[in-house]
Protein backbone atom coordinates (compact mmCIF):
# COMPACT_ATOMS: atom_id res chain seq x y z
CA MET A 1 0.03 0.03 0.04
CA ASP A 2 1.24 3.55 -0.85
CA PHE A 3 0.26 5.92 1.94
CA SER A 4 2.00 8.77 0.22
CA VAL A 5 -1.24 9.39 -1.60
CA VAL A 6 -2.92 10.00 1.74
CA VAL A 7 -0.37 12.63 2.53
CA GLU A 8 -0.85 14.30 -0.79
CA TYR A 9 -4.61 14.34 -0.59
CA PHE A 10 -5.00 14.90 3.14
CA PRO A 11 -5.98 18.51 2.82
CA ARG A 12 -8.83 17.45 0.55
CA LEU A 13 -10.01 14.94 3.11
CA LEU A 14 -10.00 17.73 5.69
CA GLN A 15 -12.17 19.80 3.43
CA GLY A 16 -14.63 16.93 3.28
CA THR A 17 -14.35 16.56 7.03
CA TRP A 18 -15.38 20.28 7.45
CA VAL A 19 -18.40 19.63 5.35
CA SER A 20 -19.36 16.54 7.41
CA LEU A 21 -19.06 18.44 10.58
CA GLN A 22 -21.21 21.23 9.30
CA LEU A 23 -23.91 18.65 8.37
CA VAL A 24 -23.84 16.97 11.72
CA VAL A 25 -23.66 20.15 13.88
CA ILE A 26 -26.49 21.94 12.07
CA SER A 27 -28.67 18.87 12.02
CA ILE A 28 -28.06 18.01 15.63
CA VAL A 29 -28.85 21.58 16.83
CA LEU A 30 -32.01 21.84 14.76
CA GLY A 31 -33.01 18.33 15.58
CA GLY A 32 -32.62 18.96 19.35
CA ILE A 33 -34.82 22.10 19.03
CA PHE A 34 -37.55 20.21 17.28
CA ALA A 35 -37.19 17.07 19.46
CA LEU A 36 -38.07 18.66 22.85
CA PRO A 37 -41.67 19.66 21.95
CA ILE A 38 -42.22 16.36 20.13
CA ALA A 39 -41.18 14.57 23.27
CA LEU A 40 -43.28 16.61 25.50
CA ALA A 41 -46.36 15.94 23.13
CA ARG A 42 -45.45 12.30 23.17
CA ILE A 43 -46.09 12.10 26.94
CA SER A 44 -49.20 14.14 26.88
CA PRO A 45 -52.25 12.65 28.62
CA VAL A 46 -54.33 13.58 25.59
CA GLY A 47 -54.60 10.74 23.11
CA TRP A 48 -54.81 12.75 19.89
CA VAL A 49 -51.86 14.98 20.97
CA ARG A 50 -49.77 11.82 21.47
CA ALA A 51 -50.79 10.39 18.08
CA VAL A 52 -49.16 12.94 15.83
CA PRO A 53 -45.64 12.75 17.35
CA PHE A 54 -46.01 8.98 17.50
CA ALA A 55 -46.68 8.79 13.80
CA TYR A 56 -43.79 11.23 13.09
CA ILE A 57 -41.42 9.09 15.20
CA PHE A 58 -42.66 5.85 13.76
CA PHE A 59 -42.09 6.99 10.23
CA PHE A 60 -38.53 8.39 10.68
CA ARG A 61 -37.42 5.44 12.86
CA GLY A 62 -39.01 2.89 10.65
CA THR A 63 -37.66 4.02 7.29
CA PRO A 64 -33.94 4.09 6.18
CA LEU A 65 -32.12 7.39 6.36
CA LEU A 66 -31.17 6.96 2.66
CA VAL A 67 -34.79 6.86 1.58
CA GLN A 68 -35.58 9.91 3.60
CA ILE A 69 -32.66 11.78 1.91
CA PHE A 70 -33.89 10.75 -1.57
CA LEU A 71 -37.46 11.69 -0.71
CA VAL A 72 -36.37 15.17 0.22
CA TYR A 73 -33.81 15.69 -2.63
CA TYR A 74 -35.44 13.92 -5.49
CA GLY A 75 -39.14 13.78 -4.33
CA ALA A 76 -39.71 17.48 -3.52
CA SER A 77 -38.51 18.59 -6.99
CA GLN A 78 -41.18 16.69 -8.80
CA PHE A 79 -43.94 19.07 -7.59
CA ASP A 80 -44.47 22.37 -9.47
CA ALA A 81 -45.80 24.03 -6.32
CA VAL A 82 -42.36 23.26 -4.68
CA ARG A 83 -40.46 24.49 -7.67
CA GLU A 84 -42.40 27.76 -7.87
CA SER A 85 -42.24 28.40 -4.08
CA ILE A 86 -39.89 30.57 -2.22
CA LEU A 87 -38.44 27.32 -0.60
CA TRP A 88 -37.02 26.16 -4.00
CA PRO A 89 -33.75 28.00 -3.67
CA ILE A 90 -33.12 25.82 -0.52
CA LEU A 91 -34.65 22.65 -1.72
CA ARG A 92 -32.66 22.60 -4.97
CA GLU A 93 -29.41 22.55 -3.05
CA PRO A 94 -28.06 19.18 -2.05
CA PHE A 95 -26.46 20.46 1.12
CA TRP A 96 -29.74 21.85 2.54
CA CYS A 97 -31.75 18.86 1.43
CA ALA A 98 -29.26 16.68 3.47
CA ILE A 99 -29.74 19.14 6.41
CA ILE A 100 -33.56 18.77 6.17
CA ALA A 101 -33.43 14.91 5.98
CA PHE A 102 -30.86 14.70 8.77
CA THR A 103 -32.78 17.09 11.04
CA LEU A 104 -36.11 15.18 10.65
CA ASN A 105 -34.42 11.93 11.19
CA THR A 106 -32.35 12.85 14.29
CA SER A 107 -35.27 14.80 15.80
CA ALA A 108 -37.40 11.57 15.89
CA TYR A 109 -34.67 9.65 17.62
CA THR A 110 -33.76 12.47 19.97
CA ALA A 111 -37.46 12.88 20.84
CA GLU A 112 -37.69 9.25 21.98
CA ILE A 113 -34.45 9.65 23.90
CA PHE A 114 -35.88 12.81 25.57
CA ARG A 115 -39.16 11.04 26.27
CA GLY A 116 -37.41 8.13 27.92
CA ALA A 117 -35.25 10.42 30.04
CA ILE A 118 -38.34 12.36 31.28
CA GLN A 119 -40.25 9.19 32.06
CA ALA A 120 -37.19 7.74 33.80
CA ILE A 121 -37.38 10.50 36.45
CA PRO A 122 -38.56 8.95 39.75
CA GLN A 123 -42.17 9.69 40.35
CA GLY A 124 -41.29 10.87 43.92
CA GLU A 125 -39.50 13.90 42.34
CA VAL A 126 -42.58 14.85 40.38
CA GLU A 127 -44.79 14.57 43.51
CA ALA A 128 -42.37 16.72 45.42
CA CYS A 129 -42.77 19.44 42.86
CA LYS A 130 -46.52 19.26 43.16
CA VAL A 131 -46.33 19.35 47.00
CA VAL A 132 -44.34 22.61 47.01
CA GLY A 133 -46.96 24.14 44.74
CA MET A 134 -45.09 24.32 41.42
CA THR A 135 -47.02 24.87 38.22
CA LYS A 136 -46.50 22.38 35.47
CA PHE A 137 -44.32 24.97 33.56
CA GLN A 138 -42.17 25.63 36.70
CA MET A 139 -41.80 21.95 37.24
CA TYR A 140 -40.45 21.25 33.81
CA ARG A 141 -38.27 24.30 33.70
CA ARG A 142 -36.78 24.01 37.22
CA ILE A 143 -36.66 20.30 37.89
CA LEU A 144 -37.74 17.84 35.21
CA LEU A 145 -35.91 19.20 32.17
CA PRO A 146 -32.55 19.77 33.98
CA ARG A 147 -32.83 16.36 35.58
CA ALA A 148 -33.71 14.70 32.20
CA PHE A 149 -30.74 16.59 30.64
CA GLY A 150 -28.33 14.66 33.00
CA ILE A 151 -30.01 11.39 32.26
CA VAL A 152 -30.13 11.81 28.51
CA LEU A 153 -26.41 12.60 28.00
CA PRO A 154 -24.90 9.23 27.35
CA ALA A 155 -27.70 8.25 24.93
CA TYR A 156 -27.58 11.62 23.25
CA GLY A 157 -23.84 11.36 22.69
CA ASN A 158 -24.42 7.96 20.97
CA GLU A 159 -27.02 9.56 18.74
CA ILE A 160 -24.58 12.24 17.59
CA ILE A 161 -22.03 9.50 16.76
CA LEU A 162 -24.77 7.65 14.78
CA MET A 163 -25.53 10.92 13.01
CA LEU A 164 -21.87 11.40 12.20
CA LYS A 165 -21.78 7.94 10.63
CA GLY A 166 -25.11 8.51 8.95
CA SER A 167 -23.76 11.74 7.37
CA ALA A 168 -21.77 9.63 5.03
CA LEU A 169 -24.91 9.11 3.06
CA ALA A 170 -24.90 12.76 2.04
CA SER A 171 -22.43 11.71 -0.69
CA THR A 172 -25.20 9.97 -2.44
CA ILE A 173 -26.72 13.34 -3.51
CA THR A 174 -23.40 14.79 -4.82
CA ILE A 175 -22.23 16.37 -1.56
CA LEU A 176 -18.47 16.29 -1.10
CA ASP A 177 -18.41 15.41 2.57
CA LEU A 178 -15.69 13.21 3.98
CA THR A 179 -16.94 10.03 2.29
CA GLY A 180 -17.79 11.88 -0.90
CA MET A 181 -14.36 13.50 -1.00
CA ALA A 182 -12.79 10.06 -0.50
CA ARG A 183 -14.73 8.54 -3.32
CA THR A 184 -13.63 11.40 -5.66
CA ILE A 185 -10.05 10.92 -4.65
CA ILE A 186 -10.26 7.14 -5.22
CA ALA A 187 -11.65 7.73 -8.73
CA ARG A 188 -8.44 9.70 -9.48
CA THR A 189 -5.85 7.65 -7.74
CA TYR A 190 -7.29 4.09 -7.74
CA THR A 191 -6.15 3.66 -4.07
CA PRO A 192 -9.39 2.69 -2.24
CA MET A 193 -7.67 0.92 0.70
CA GLU A 194 -5.37 3.84 1.69
CA ILE A 195 -8.03 6.52 1.19
CA PHE A 196 -10.89 4.76 3.04
CA LEU A 197 -8.60 3.80 5.76
CA ALA A 198 -7.60 7.50 6.17
CA ALA A 199 -11.29 8.59 6.04
CA GLY A 200 -12.14 5.82 8.58
CA ALA A 201 -9.43 7.11 10.78
CA ILE A 202 -10.79 10.61 10.67
CA TYR A 203 -14.31 9.38 11.57
CA LEU A 204 -12.86 7.51 14.45
CA VAL A 205 -10.96 10.42 15.83
CA ILE A 206 -14.01 12.61 15.61
CA SER A 207 -16.04 9.96 17.46
CA ILE A 208 -13.40 9.75 20.25
CA VAL A 209 -13.52 13.48 20.63
CA ILE A 210 -17.30 13.45 20.92
CA ILE A 211 -17.22 10.61 23.47
CA ALA A 212 -14.68 12.55 25.57
CA ILE A 213 -16.63 15.75 25.49
CA PHE A 214 -19.92 14.04 26.51
CA ARG A 215 -18.12 12.10 29.23
CA GLN A 216 -16.89 15.34 30.74
CA ILE A 217 -20.31 16.99 30.55
CA GLU A 218 -21.90 14.00 31.91
CA LEU A 219 -19.52 13.87 34.95
CA ARG A 220 -20.07 17.60 35.63
CA GLN A 221 -23.88 17.48 35.17
CA ASN A 222 -24.42 14.41 37.32
CA ARG A 223 -21.82 15.14 39.97
CA TYR A 224 -24.58 15.51 42.60
CA LEU A 225 -27.18 13.14 40.95
CA GLY A 226 -27.43 9.43 40.53
CA THR A 227 -27.48 8.59 36.74
CA LEU A 228 -30.15 6.52 35.14
CA SER A 229 -29.72 4.45 32.00
CA ILE A 230 -32.20 4.51 29.16
CA LYS A 231 -32.27 2.39 26.03
CA VAL A 232 -30.86 3.98 22.84
CA PRO A 233 -33.22 3.36 19.89
CA ASP A 234 -31.60 1.34 17.11
CA LYS A 235 -31.44 3.02 13.60
CA GLY A 236 -32.83 1.07 10.84
């Protein structure tokens, strides 16, 4: 194997890495924002309120991420109303189509993680909030959501890593992320082993950094609290 090609094209791989990080960070931030209200609706005592987020989560957890990307990128463009709308400048760009698909997908998984964390809080803590006269809004803002944040950290860190690996699918719609850039380099150099090993190593390093960051946040957040474990939904 000739690893000199890795040295030569390493700056190009870093360019692809930067695109991958943008995809992951933007999607995770937007997905987290959308996931919280979805999770709260998911635990509502009202049946029809629970039904809508349940259907949303069921769809995005039950279908492959690749299919979701294709539905957004290829599917939206077939409608004249979409092509003539103000959203078309966004929906015609592969990058933003990937962001939309990733955001919808990760918000569904994150909502389930948040729901599990909220429901994992001991009932005694909820009763204590009611005893001291807190309103429902105060209870969530002061006690339940901060408590759930500490519980959710391990599973949420795993979701970010899964999203990082899933971001490789963005290359299927012409985005030159890390995987897409690696495939482009391989097409020029015919060195798949060396380039894919280098790309895999970069993904691994990023994953290690994410694990270390979340480990430190978890230790700090839960330094006075006992941690609870919740099951991480498997991606299909």
